[in-house]
């Protein structure tokens, strides 16, 4: 019994020690002033995207271009992972517009209501080739939809069968080949065929970014780093920044405080 107790104490010590936690170090690199209502992110070519007065802007060192469609309501989300094919989603009108690198439309708007896909698209992101990740509220499923053929190529089972009946995702953390759906308390992961792979419980958070299968998330104005196999650890920002929006790309975390973008280089330790 005494040996068992000692082993339990040792096991508890190991898993509560800092070495058992997922840890990263952030090194401040530069600060950029920005007047915006929402910071979207930075693309592969260092262009900055943001929303001001419901207008999407793309800003480089020498140019600023913009895109506006106020008759479609508020911009709900923007996917800039492919700088040559930018996705703008207007949830109020169930519509997506794809833009080129000059923010000119690539074809006509995609109105899902007229295409008999769903009257209530909740989340949209780019997937491989001519496909989009769609979370549809009506049937509570994830779909891969081809915008050239106008057909669904793959679909998941209803999410209520996969996790729990109360799971209604509010955000999608997508790559071109897989995606996570989250309700800000847990995740469902899906592969490139929209097939369910795993369910992950998580600390409740306000905002989150994905680093492959690791995460940096914000809770009560404190940043945390967490992997799928280790508990979360605090992330220290020097200088300290009040986080309004955050974006990750290529080992750099960009944080917008409402007035400036603070860029940090990430190193895993």
Protein backbone atom coordinates (compact mmCIF):
# COMPACT_ATOMS: atom_id res chain seq x y z
CA UNK A 1 0.00 0.00 0.00
CA UNK A 2 2.85 2.39 0.86
CA UNK A 3 4.57 1.67 -2.49
CA UNK A 4 1.29 2.30 -4.29
CA UNK A 5 0.87 5.64 -2.49
CA UNK A 6 4.42 6.70 -3.35
CA UNK A 7 3.85 5.83 -7.00
CA UNK A 8 0.65 7.88 -7.05
CA UNK A 9 2.47 10.87 -5.56
CA UNK A 10 5.30 10.51 -8.10
CA UNK A 11 2.85 10.21 -11.00
CA UNK A 12 0.95 13.30 -9.82
CA UNK A 13 4.19 15.27 -9.46
CA UNK A 14 5.34 14.37 -12.95
CA UNK A 15 2.10 15.45 -14.57
CA UNK A 16 1.79 18.70 -12.69
CA UNK A 17 5.38 19.77 -13.28
CA UNK A 18 6.29 22.42 -15.87
CA UNK A 19 8.20 19.86 -17.93
CA UNK A 20 4.96 17.93 -18.47
CA UNK A 21 3.25 20.97 -19.91
CA UNK A 22 3.29 22.08 -23.53
CA UNK A 23 5.50 25.17 -23.66
CA UNK A 24 6.46 27.82 -26.20
CA UNK A 25 8.47 31.01 -26.10
CA UNK A 26 7.39 34.19 -27.89
CA UNK A 27 9.97 36.71 -29.08
CA UNK A 28 8.64 40.15 -30.02
CA UNK A 29 9.80 41.20 -33.50
CA UNK A 30 7.87 44.31 -34.56
CA UNK A 31 4.79 46.47 -34.21
CA UNK A 32 2.56 47.87 -36.98
CA UNK A 33 -0.10 50.52 -36.46
CA UNK A 34 -3.50 49.64 -37.89
CA UNK A 35 -6.87 51.37 -37.94
CA UNK A 36 -9.43 48.57 -38.19
CA UNK A 37 -12.60 47.17 -36.70
CA UNK A 38 -11.26 43.63 -37.13
CA UNK A 39 -7.82 42.28 -38.01
CA UNK A 40 -8.08 39.25 -40.32
CA UNK A 41 -4.44 38.26 -40.74
CA UNK A 42 -1.28 38.29 -42.84
CA UNK A 43 -0.80 36.20 -45.99
CA UNK A 44 2.14 34.36 -47.55
CA UNK A 45 3.37 37.59 -49.17
CA UNK A 46 3.15 39.72 -45.99
CA UNK A 47 0.00 41.53 -47.09
CA UNK A 48 -2.25 42.57 -44.19
CA UNK A 49 -6.02 42.03 -44.31
CA UNK A 50 -8.55 43.81 -42.13
CA UNK A 51 -12.15 45.00 -41.98
CA UNK A 52 -13.11 48.65 -41.47
CA UNK A 53 -16.70 49.88 -41.81
CA UNK A 54 -17.72 46.48 -43.23
CA UNK A 55 -15.15 46.83 -46.03
CA UNK A 56 -12.39 44.27 -46.55
CA UNK A 57 -8.94 45.83 -47.08
CA UNK A 58 -5.69 44.30 -48.29
CA UNK A 59 -2.62 46.39 -47.55
CA UNK A 60 0.96 45.91 -48.75
CA UNK A 61 3.98 48.20 -48.48
CA UNK A 62 2.93 50.19 -51.55
CA UNK A 63 -0.75 49.45 -52.25
CA UNK A 64 -4.16 49.28 -50.58
CA UNK A 65 -7.12 47.59 -52.27
CA UNK A 66 -10.60 47.05 -50.90
CA UNK A 67 -13.82 45.10 -51.41
CA UNK A 68 -17.31 46.03 -50.26
CA UNK A 69 -20.77 44.49 -50.72
CA UNK A 70 -22.93 46.19 -48.10
CA UNK A 71 -26.17 44.91 -49.65
CA UNK A 72 -25.15 41.45 -48.40
CA UNK A 73 -24.99 42.57 -44.77
CA UNK A 74 -22.06 42.23 -42.38
CA UNK A 75 -18.95 40.26 -43.32
CA UNK A 76 -19.07 37.12 -41.15
CA UNK A 77 -15.66 35.62 -41.93
CA UNK A 78 -12.72 35.83 -44.33
CA UNK A 79 -10.35 33.00 -45.32
CA UNK A 80 -6.99 34.27 -46.63
CA UNK A 81 -5.00 31.02 -46.62
CA UNK A 82 -4.80 31.11 -50.42
CA UNK A 83 -3.87 34.71 -51.41
CA UNK A 84 -5.02 34.00 -54.98
CA UNK A 85 -8.45 32.79 -53.84
CA UNK A 86 -9.80 34.71 -50.86
CA UNK A 87 -13.13 33.65 -49.39
CA UNK A 88 -15.59 36.18 -47.94
CA UNK A 89 -18.69 34.84 -46.19
CA UNK A 90 -21.91 36.78 -45.59
CA UNK A 91 -23.96 34.63 -43.22
CA UNK A 92 -27.05 36.88 -43.23
CA UNK A 93 -27.49 36.28 -46.96
CA UNK A 94 -26.10 32.72 -47.02
CA UNK A 95 -23.57 33.85 -49.61
CA UNK A 96 -19.86 33.38 -50.35
CA UNK A 97 -17.75 35.49 -52.71
CA UNK A 98 -14.33 34.35 -53.92
CA UNK A 99 -11.79 37.08 -54.68
CA UNK A 100 -8.47 37.22 -56.53
CA UNK A 101 -5.29 38.81 -55.19
CA UNK A 102 -6.58 42.28 -56.15
CA UNK A 103 -9.86 41.64 -54.31
CA UNK A 104 -11.76 41.36 -57.58
CA UNK A 105 -14.56 38.74 -57.66
CA UNK A 106 -13.73 35.36 -59.19
CA UNK A 107 -17.09 34.76 -60.82
CA UNK A 108 -20.57 35.35 -59.46
CA UNK A 109 -21.49 35.23 -55.76
CA UNK A 110 -22.33 31.76 -54.46
CA UNK A 111 -25.81 31.94 -52.92
CA UNK A 112 -26.39 28.64 -51.14
CA UNK A 113 -30.10 29.32 -50.72
CA UNK A 114 -30.65 29.20 -54.49
CA UNK A 115 -28.44 26.13 -54.91
CA UNK A 116 -30.49 23.91 -52.57
CA UNK A 117 -27.46 23.22 -50.38
CA UNK A 118 -28.81 24.71 -47.17
CA UNK A 119 -30.81 27.72 -46.09
CA UNK A 120 -28.49 28.14 -43.10
CA UNK A 121 -24.77 27.86 -43.69
CA UNK A 122 -23.02 28.39 -40.37
CA UNK A 123 -19.32 28.15 -41.25
CA UNK A 124 -17.35 28.16 -44.52
CA UNK A 125 -13.67 27.67 -45.36
CA UNK A 126 -11.55 26.76 -48.36
CA UNK A 127 -10.68 23.10 -48.89
CA UNK A 128 -8.68 21.31 -51.60
CA UNK A 129 -9.07 22.17 -55.28
CA UNK A 130 -12.54 23.58 -55.97
CA UNK A 131 -14.07 22.48 -52.70
CA UNK A 132 -15.34 24.28 -49.63
CA UNK A 133 -15.77 23.09 -46.05
CA UNK A 134 -19.41 23.80 -45.15
CA UNK A 135 -21.04 23.41 -41.75
CA UNK A 136 -24.80 23.46 -42.30
CA UNK A 137 -27.04 24.33 -39.37
CA UNK A 138 -30.19 22.72 -40.82
CA UNK A 139 -28.83 19.17 -40.74
CA UNK A 140 -25.97 19.77 -38.25
CA UNK A 141 -23.40 18.22 -40.59
CA UNK A 142 -20.03 19.02 -42.12
CA UNK A 143 -19.88 18.84 -45.93
CA UNK A 144 -17.27 19.10 -48.64
CA UNK A 145 -18.94 20.97 -51.49
CA UNK A 146 -17.55 21.46 -55.01
CA UNK A 147 -18.33 24.97 -56.23
CA UNK A 148 -17.68 24.03 -59.89
CA UNK A 149 -20.02 21.04 -60.06
CA UNK A 150 -22.35 22.58 -57.42
CA UNK A 151 -22.51 19.22 -55.67
CA UNK A 152 -21.68 17.85 -52.22
CA UNK A 153 -18.80 15.38 -52.54
CA UNK A 154 -18.60 14.13 -48.93
CA UNK A 155 -20.66 14.56 -45.76
CA UNK A 156 -20.25 13.71 -42.11
CA UNK A 157 -22.83 12.14 -39.87
CA UNK A 158 -24.93 14.60 -37.84
CA UNK A 159 -22.67 16.07 -35.18
CA UNK A 160 -25.09 15.15 -32.40
CA UNK A 161 -24.22 11.48 -33.02
CA UNK A 162 -20.50 12.20 -32.81
CA UNK A 163 -20.20 14.16 -29.57
CA UNK A 164 -23.37 15.29 -27.85
CA UNK A 165 -26.71 16.80 -28.78
CA UNK A 166 -25.70 20.25 -27.51
CA UNK A 167 -22.63 20.53 -29.77
CA UNK A 168 -23.15 23.46 -32.15
CA UNK A 169 -19.86 24.73 -33.62
CA UNK A 170 -19.09 28.44 -33.61
CA UNK A 171 -15.71 28.27 -35.37
CA UNK A 172 -13.86 26.14 -37.90
CA UNK A 173 -10.07 25.67 -37.80
CA UNK A 174 -9.42 24.38 -41.29
CA UNK A 175 -6.49 23.38 -43.45
CA UNK A 176 -7.03 22.30 -47.05
CA UNK A 177 -6.98 18.62 -46.03
CA UNK A 178 -8.64 18.47 -42.61
CA UNK A 179 -10.61 20.59 -40.21
CA UNK A 180 -11.62 21.04 -36.58
CA UNK A 181 -15.07 22.21 -35.57
CA UNK A 182 -15.29 23.80 -32.13
CA UNK A 183 -18.00 25.11 -29.84
CA UNK A 184 -15.33 26.90 -27.73
CA UNK A 185 -15.35 24.04 -25.23
CA UNK A 186 -14.37 21.05 -27.36
CA UNK A 187 -13.39 19.89 -30.84
CA UNK A 188 -14.44 17.43 -33.48
CA UNK A 189 -11.73 16.60 -36.03
CA UNK A 190 -12.50 15.50 -39.61
CA UNK A 191 -10.27 14.23 -42.42
CA UNK A 192 -10.22 15.27 -46.09
CA UNK A 193 -13.31 13.11 -46.76
CA UNK A 194 -15.32 14.89 -44.03
CA UNK A 195 -15.10 11.71 -41.97
CA UNK A 196 -14.97 12.02 -38.20
CA UNK A 197 -11.58 11.19 -36.65
CA UNK A 198 -11.60 12.23 -33.01
CA UNK A 199 -13.34 14.18 -30.27
CA UNK A 200 -11.33 16.42 -27.98
CA UNK A 201 -12.44 18.09 -24.76
CA UNK A 202 -10.86 21.47 -24.19
CA UNK A 203 -10.70 24.39 -21.80
CA UNK A 204 -13.35 27.00 -22.58
CA UNK A 205 -11.85 29.91 -24.53
CA UNK A 206 -12.66 33.24 -26.18
CA UNK A 207 -10.40 33.04 -29.26
CA UNK A 208 -8.10 30.39 -30.71
CA UNK A 209 -5.59 29.75 -33.49
CA UNK A 210 -4.37 26.40 -34.77
CA UNK A 211 -0.70 25.39 -35.20
CA UNK A 212 -1.05 22.06 -37.04
CA UNK A 213 -2.48 19.97 -34.15
CA UNK A 214 -1.46 22.40 -31.41
CA UNK A 215 -3.37 25.47 -30.27
CA UNK A 216 -2.89 28.94 -28.82
CA UNK A 217 -6.05 30.19 -27.18
CA UNK A 218 -7.27 33.23 -25.25
CA UNK A 219 -9.23 33.02 -22.01
CA UNK A 220 -9.89 36.04 -19.77
CA UNK A 221 -7.18 38.02 -21.61
CA UNK A 222 -4.55 35.35 -20.87
CA UNK A 223 -2.97 33.33 -23.69
CA UNK A 224 -2.35 29.60 -23.33
CA UNK A 225 -0.57 26.99 -25.45
CA UNK A 226 -1.84 23.42 -25.57
CA UNK A 227 -1.13 20.26 -27.54
CA UNK A 228 -3.31 17.19 -27.91
CA UNK A 229 -1.12 15.25 -25.48
CA UNK A 230 -0.01 17.77 -22.85
CA UNK A 231 -1.85 20.20 -20.55
CA UNK A 232 -1.93 23.91 -21.26
CA UNK A 233 0.73 26.38 -20.18
CA UNK A 234 0.59 30.17 -19.86
CA UNK A 235 2.04 32.20 -22.72
CA UNK A 236 3.92 35.32 -21.64
CA UNK A 237 3.82 38.38 -23.88
CA UNK A 238 6.60 40.96 -23.66
CA UNK A 239 5.49 43.65 -24.15
CA UNK A 240 2.10 42.73 -22.70
CA UNK A 241 -0.73 43.17 -25.21
CA UNK A 242 -4.48 43.22 -24.69
CA UNK A 243 -5.69 40.74 -27.30
CA UNK A 244 -8.56 41.70 -29.60
CA UNK A 245 -7.71 39.48 -32.61
CA UNK A 246 -4.93 36.97 -33.25
CA UNK A 247 -3.60 35.14 -36.31
CA UNK A 248 -0.90 32.50 -36.84
CA UNK A 249 1.27 31.89 -39.91
CA UNK A 250 4.68 30.21 -40.31
CA UNK A 251 5.90 30.29 -36.69
CA UNK A 252 4.68 33.86 -36.15
CA UNK A 253 1.78 34.99 -33.98
CA UNK A 254 0.18 38.32 -34.91
CA UNK A 255 -1.86 40.01 -32.18
CA UNK A 256 -4.11 43.03 -32.72
CA UNK A 257 -4.95 45.15 -29.68
CA UNK A 258 -7.37 47.50 -31.47
CA UNK A 259 -4.70 50.00 -32.52
CA UNK A 260 -1.58 48.03 -33.53
CA UNK A 261 -0.44 44.58 -34.68
CA UNK A 262 2.25 43.02 -32.47
CA UNK A 263 4.22 40.23 -34.14
CA UNK A 264 5.98 37.48 -32.17
CA UNK A 265 8.19 34.63 -33.35
CA UNK A 266 7.23 31.29 -31.77
CA UNK A 267 9.77 28.78 -30.52
CA UNK A 268 8.76 25.46 -28.95
CA UNK A 269 10.75 24.58 -25.80
